[in-house]
C-alpha atoms as a PDB file:
ATOM      1  CA  MET A   1       0.278   0.007  -0.179  1.00  0.00           C
ATOM      2  CA  THR A   2       2.251   3.022  -0.988  1.00  0.00           C
ATOM      3  CA  ASN A   3      -0.121   5.331  -1.514  1.00  0.00           C
ATOM      4  CA  SER A   4       2.342   8.645  -0.461  1.00  0.00           C
ATOM      5  CA  GLN A   5       5.651   8.911  -2.258  1.00  0.00           C
ATOM      6  CA  PHE A   6       8.507   7.421   1.015  1.00  0.00           C
ATOM      7  CA  GLN A   7      11.348   9.989   1.314  1.00  0.00           C
ATOM      8  CA  LEU A   8      14.094   9.222   3.981  1.00  0.00           C
ATOM      9  CA  SER A   9      16.811  11.306   5.397  1.00  0.00           C
ATOM     10  CA  ALA A  10      19.114  10.898   7.909  1.00  0.00           C
ATOM     11  CA  ALA A  11      21.159  13.380  10.041  1.00  0.00           C
ATOM     12  CA  GLU A  12      23.792  10.955  11.220  1.00  0.00           C
ATOM     13  CA  ALA A  13      26.563  13.767  12.313  1.00  0.00           C
ATOM     14  CA  GLU A  14      23.479  15.381  14.740  1.00  0.00           C
ATOM     15  CA  GLN A  15      23.798  14.327  18.790  1.00  0.00           C
ATOM     16  CA  PRO A  16      21.851  12.084  18.853  1.00  0.00           C
ATOM     17  CA  PRO A  17      21.609  11.034  15.113  1.00  0.00           C
ATOM     18  CA  VAL A  18      18.268  12.235  13.677  1.00  0.00           C
ATOM     19  CA  VAL A  19      16.342  10.095  10.786  1.00  0.00           C
ATOM     20  CA  THR A  20      13.665  11.720   9.225  1.00  0.00           C
ATOM     21  CA  ALA A  21      10.863   9.637   7.153  1.00  0.00           C
ATOM     22  CA  SER A  22       7.886  10.844   4.849  1.00  0.00           C
ATOM     23  CA  GLY A  23       5.054   9.360   3.177  1.00  0.00           C
ATOM     24  CA  ASP A  24       3.924   5.054   3.465  1.00  0.00           C
ATOM     25  CA  ILE A  25       6.150   3.324   5.523  1.00  0.00           C
ATOM     26  CA  ASP A  26       4.984  -0.367   4.356  1.00  0.00           C
ATOM     27  CA  LEU A  27       6.607  -3.900   2.961  1.00  0.00           C
ATOM     28  CA  ALA A  28       6.973  -2.121  -0.336  1.00  0.00           C
ATOM     29  CA  ASN A  29      10.412   0.057   1.402  1.00  0.00           C
ATOM     30  CA  VAL A  30      10.738  -1.309   5.026  1.00  0.00           C
ATOM     31  CA  ASN A  31      14.398  -2.508   3.935  1.00  0.00           C
ATOM     32  CA  GLU A  32      14.826   0.793   3.682  1.00  0.00           C
ATOM     33  CA  PHE A  33      14.171   2.197   6.523  1.00  0.00           C
ATOM     34  CA  SER A  34      15.162  -0.491   8.518  1.00  0.00           C
ATOM     35  CA  ASP A  35      18.870   0.149   7.185  1.00  0.00           C
ATOM     36  CA  VAL A  36      18.757   3.523   7.440  1.00  0.00           C
ATOM     37  CA  LEU A  37      17.337   3.009  11.503  1.00  0.00           C
ATOM     38  CA  ASN A  38      20.632   0.719  12.031  1.00  0.00           C
ATOM     39  CA  ARG A  39      23.248   2.479  10.274  1.00  0.00           C
ATOM     40  CA  ALA A  40      22.148   5.840  12.273  1.00  0.00           C
ATOM     41  CA  ALA A  41      21.673   3.820  15.296  1.00  0.00           C
ATOM     42  CA  ALA A  42      25.035   1.709  15.498  1.00  0.00           C
ATOM     43  CA  ASP A  43      27.899   3.879  17.221  1.00  0.00           C
ATOM     44  CA  ALA A  44      24.953   6.159  18.776  1.00  0.00           C
ATOM     45  CA  ASP A  45      23.321   6.137  22.460  1.00  0.00           C
ATOM     46  CA  ALA A  46      20.173   7.479  21.258  1.00  0.00           C
ATOM     47  CA  ILE A  47      18.132   7.834  17.929  1.00  0.00           C
ATOM     48  CA  THR A  48      15.872   9.994  17.075  1.00  0.00           C
ATOM     49  CA  VAL A  49      12.927   9.348  14.251  1.00  0.00           C
ATOM     50  CA  ASP A  50      10.826  12.332  12.611  1.00  0.00           C
ATOM     51  CA  LEU A  51       7.216  10.745  11.825  1.00  0.00           C
ATOM     52  CA  SER A  52       5.361  13.740  11.734  1.00  0.00           C
ATOM     53  CA  GLU A  53       5.521  14.093   7.917  1.00  0.00           C
ATOM     54  CA  VAL A  54       4.385   9.966   7.699  1.00  0.00           C
ATOM     55  CA  THR A  55       0.791   9.160   6.075  1.00  0.00           C
ATOM     56  CA  TYR A  56       1.113   5.177   6.742  1.00  0.00           C
ATOM     57  CA  CYS A  57       3.070   2.982   8.535  1.00  0.00           C
ATOM     58  CA  ASP A  58       2.165  -0.920   8.807  1.00  0.00           C
ATOM     59  CA  SER A  59       3.423  -3.531  11.778  1.00  0.00           C
ATOM     60  CA  ALA A  60       6.522  -4.241   9.456  1.00  0.00           C
ATOM     61  CA  ALA A  61       7.867  -0.380   9.986  1.00  0.00           C
ATOM     62  CA  VAL A  62       7.170  -1.087  13.770  1.00  0.00           C
ATOM     63  CA  ARG A  63       8.754  -3.850  14.360  1.00  0.00           C
ATOM     64  CA  ALA A  64      11.807  -2.381  12.629  1.00  0.00           C
ATOM     65  CA  LEU A  65      11.614   0.714  15.604  1.00  0.00           C
ATOM     66  CA  PHE A  66      10.833  -1.958  17.894  1.00  0.00           C
ATOM     67  CA  ALA A  67      14.140  -3.684  17.109  1.00  0.00           C
ATOM     68  CA  VAL A  68      16.343   0.018  17.339  1.00  0.00           C
ATOM     69  CA  ALA A  69      14.043   0.398  20.908  1.00  0.00           C
ATOM     70  CA  ALA A  70      15.890  -2.782  22.137  1.00  0.00           C
ATOM     71  CA  THR A  71      19.330  -1.382  21.276  1.00  0.00           C
ATOM     72  CA  THR A  72      18.982   2.092  21.376  1.00  0.00           C
ATOM     73  CA  LYS A  73      17.196   5.084  23.510  1.00  0.00           C
ATOM     74  CA  LEU A  74      14.677   6.096  20.918  1.00  0.00           C
ATOM     75  CA  GLY A  75      12.712   9.276  20.612  1.00  0.00           C
ATOM     76  CA  LEU A  76      10.325   9.529  18.415  1.00  0.00           C
ATOM     77  CA  ILE A  77       8.565  12.745  16.592  1.00  0.00           C
ATOM     78  CA  VAL A  78       4.837  12.297  15.895  1.00  0.00           C
ATOM     79  CA  PRO A  79       1.438  14.266  15.014  1.00  0.00           C
ATOM     80  CA  ALA A  80      -0.554  15.208  18.237  1.00  0.00           C
ATOM     81  CA  THR A  81      -3.578  13.133  16.470  1.00  0.00           C
ATOM     82  CA  GLY A  82      -4.055  10.610  13.748  1.00  0.00           C
ATOM     83  CA  PRO A  83      -3.332   6.848  12.670  1.00  0.00           C
ATOM     84  CA  ILE A  84       0.328   7.448  13.840  1.00  0.00           C
ATOM     85  CA  ILE A  85       0.011   8.289  17.211  1.00  0.00           C
ATOM     86  CA  THR A  86      -2.795   5.889  17.317  1.00  0.00           C
ATOM     87  CA  LEU A  87      -0.267   3.288  16.238  1.00  0.00           C
ATOM     88  CA  LEU A  88       1.971   3.551  18.802  1.00  0.00           C
ATOM     89  CA  ASN A  89      -0.481   3.898  21.502  1.00  0.00           C
ATOM     90  CA  ILE A  90      -1.858   0.875  20.497  1.00  0.00           C
ATOM     91  CA  SER A  91       1.321  -1.105  19.428  1.00  0.00           C
ATOM     92  CA  GLY A  92       3.113  -0.088  22.750  1.00  0.00           C
ATOM     93  CA  LEU A  93       6.183   1.621  21.266  1.00  0.00           C
ATOM     94  CA  ASP A  94       4.726   4.846  23.316  1.00  0.00           C
ATOM     95  CA  ARG A  95       5.956   2.727  26.329  1.00  0.00           C
ATOM     96  CA  VAL A  96       9.401   1.959  25.112  1.00  0.00           C
ATOM     97  CA  ALA A  97      10.061   5.161  23.558  1.00  0.00           C
ATOM     98  CA  THR A  98      10.393   8.719  23.954  1.00  0.00           C
ATOM     99  CA  VAL A  99       7.654  10.515  21.828  1.00  0.00           C
ATOM    100  CA  VAL A 100       6.995  13.824  21.631  1.00  0.00           C
ATOM    101  CA  THR A 101       3.930  15.181  19.496  1.00  0.00           C
ATOM    102  CA  ARG A 102       3.690  18.358  16.794  1.00  0.00           C
ATOM    103  CA  ASP A 103       0.450  19.565  15.856  1.00  0.00           C
END
């Protein structure tokens, strides 16, 4: 289900590294998403993932975020309302990551 164009960037020089995603994160691109997360987190004590422009996130993306949270302190930036914050709450990801909301 890729309706919105997926885009991904990483500012690994920042501390903590920041990965910014937009569009849909799903089975079609989750490997790229996971690879970027893992590279950014490789030598970091923490990582921030900005999902504020993500329009859809499937269970594969949630698993990738849980995998990072298992080894690195994870911070997430998400919209204050909508499907992404709801997904974090339902999946329990909000209990293993620091979540910051944006309006």
